[in-house]
Amino acid sequence: MTVTQTQKPDAIVPAVFRLPLDVSVKMTAGYEKKSIDIHQRIEKFSVKMRAKPQSIEFDPDGKVLAMNVKILPIPIRQIVIRISTKKSPVNRLTGLFL
């Protein structure tokens, strides 16, 4: 997966935010949560999992206030899974616009 920070840096907004980000991965046998540390504007991550993922949710607990996540192309089945498995209403809405 690739994480890209797209904020426009200025006098008060840094070019890179350094933060931990939780990732929830849904597999047929359940969920597995991983934490990744972001230190660069564009960063690639590879995470070992027990099984093939069905869907991935960034920031499942809504700790990061402003985020736009795009994962394309994505089958309709995965969008339905993402919407139906979200805990918070904000994350359910986010699943519609991926």
Protein backbone atom coordinates (compact mmCIF):
# COMPACT_ATOMS: atom_id res chain seq x y z
CA MET A 1 0.00 0.00 0.00
CA THR A 2 1.10 3.54 -0.66
CA VAL A 3 0.33 6.49 1.61
CA THR A 4 0.57 9.95 0.07
CA GLN A 5 0.21 13.18 2.02
CA THR A 6 -1.39 15.81 -0.21
CA GLN A 7 -1.65 18.86 2.03
CA LYS A 8 -0.33 22.13 0.63
CA PRO A 9 2.55 23.26 2.83
CA ASP A 10 2.66 26.88 3.93
CA ALA A 11 3.76 28.93 6.94
CA ILE A 12 1.71 26.81 9.39
CA VAL A 13 1.16 23.54 7.51
CA PRO A 14 4.20 21.27 7.27
CA ALA A 15 5.13 19.43 4.08
CA VAL A 16 5.08 16.15 6.01
CA PHE A 17 3.07 15.11 9.04
CA ARG A 18 4.74 12.40 11.12
CA LEU A 19 2.16 10.12 12.66
CA PRO A 20 1.22 6.56 13.44
CA LEU A 21 -1.71 5.29 11.40
CA ASP A 22 -3.80 2.20 12.19
CA VAL A 23 -4.83 -0.08 9.35
CA SER A 24 -7.57 -2.67 9.74
CA VAL A 25 -7.43 -5.59 7.31
CA LYS A 26 -10.49 -7.81 6.82
CA MET A 27 -9.87 -11.44 5.94
CA THR A 28 -12.23 -14.39 5.74
CA ALA A 29 -11.17 -15.42 9.26
CA GLY A 30 -11.74 -11.98 10.79
CA TYR A 31 -9.85 -8.71 11.19
CA GLU A 32 -6.23 -7.94 11.86
CA LYS A 33 -5.12 -4.46 12.93
CA LYS A 34 -1.65 -3.14 12.14
CA SER A 35 -0.01 0.18 12.92
CA ILE A 36 2.25 1.92 10.43
CA ASP A 37 4.43 4.96 11.07
CA ILE A 38 4.34 7.67 8.43
CA HIS A 39 7.51 9.76 8.10
CA GLN A 40 7.55 10.78 4.42
CA ARG A 41 5.26 12.57 1.99
CA ILE A 42 4.97 9.42 -0.16
CA GLU A 43 5.61 6.14 1.57
CA LYS A 44 5.09 2.51 0.56
CA PHE A 45 4.26 -0.18 3.11
CA SER A 46 4.17 -3.93 2.94
CA VAL A 47 2.52 -5.84 5.78
CA LYS A 48 2.54 -9.62 6.23
CA MET A 49 -0.92 -11.08 6.86
CA ARG A 50 -2.23 -14.53 7.82
CA ALA A 51 -4.43 -14.70 4.70
CA LYS A 52 -5.36 -12.76 1.57
CA PRO A 53 -7.10 -9.47 2.51
CA GLN A 54 -10.69 -8.82 1.45
CA SER A 55 -10.57 -5.13 2.31
CA ILE A 56 -8.34 -2.55 3.95
CA GLU A 57 -9.51 0.34 6.14
CA PHE A 58 -7.19 3.18 7.04
CA ASP A 59 -7.73 4.84 10.43
CA PRO A 60 -10.67 2.59 11.45
CA ASP A 61 -11.16 4.40 14.77
CA GLY A 62 -11.20 7.89 13.24
CA LYS A 63 -8.10 9.20 15.03
CA VAL A 64 -6.85 11.22 12.05
CA LEU A 65 -9.20 14.16 11.58
CA ALA A 66 -8.69 14.98 7.90
CA MET A 67 -7.93 12.26 5.44
CA ASN A 68 -8.84 11.34 1.90
CA VAL A 69 -8.09 7.74 1.03
CA LYS A 70 -8.26 6.53 -2.57
CA ILE A 71 -7.85 2.89 -3.49
CA LEU A 72 -8.61 2.26 -7.16
CA PRO A 73 -9.73 0.23 -8.99
CA ILE A 74 -12.03 -1.46 -6.53
CA PRO A 75 -14.87 -3.93 -7.19
CA ILE A 76 -18.39 -3.04 -6.02
CA ARG A 77 -18.32 -6.11 -3.74
CA GLN A 78 -15.43 -4.59 -1.79
CA ILE A 79 -17.22 -1.24 -1.45
CA VAL A 80 -20.24 -3.07 0.01
CA ILE A 81 -17.96 -4.93 2.44
CA ARG A 82 -16.28 -1.67 3.49
CA ILE A 83 -19.56 0.14 4.10
CA SER A 84 -21.14 -2.75 5.98
CA THR A 85 -18.15 -3.32 8.27
CA LYS A 86 -17.45 0.27 9.33
CA LYS A 87 -17.96 1.07 12.98
CA SER A 88 -18.46 4.81 12.68
CA PRO A 89 -20.88 6.69 10.39
CA VAL A 90 -18.03 8.85 9.08
CA ASN A 91 -16.09 5.77 7.98
CA ARG A 92 -19.25 4.34 6.32
CA LEU A 93 -19.59 7.52 4.27
CA THR A 94 -15.89 7.47 3.42
CA GLY A 95 -16.37 3.96 2.02
CA LEU A 96 -18.83 5.34 -0.54
CA PHE A 97 -16.29 7.71 -2.07
CA LEU A 98 -13.19 5.52 -2.31
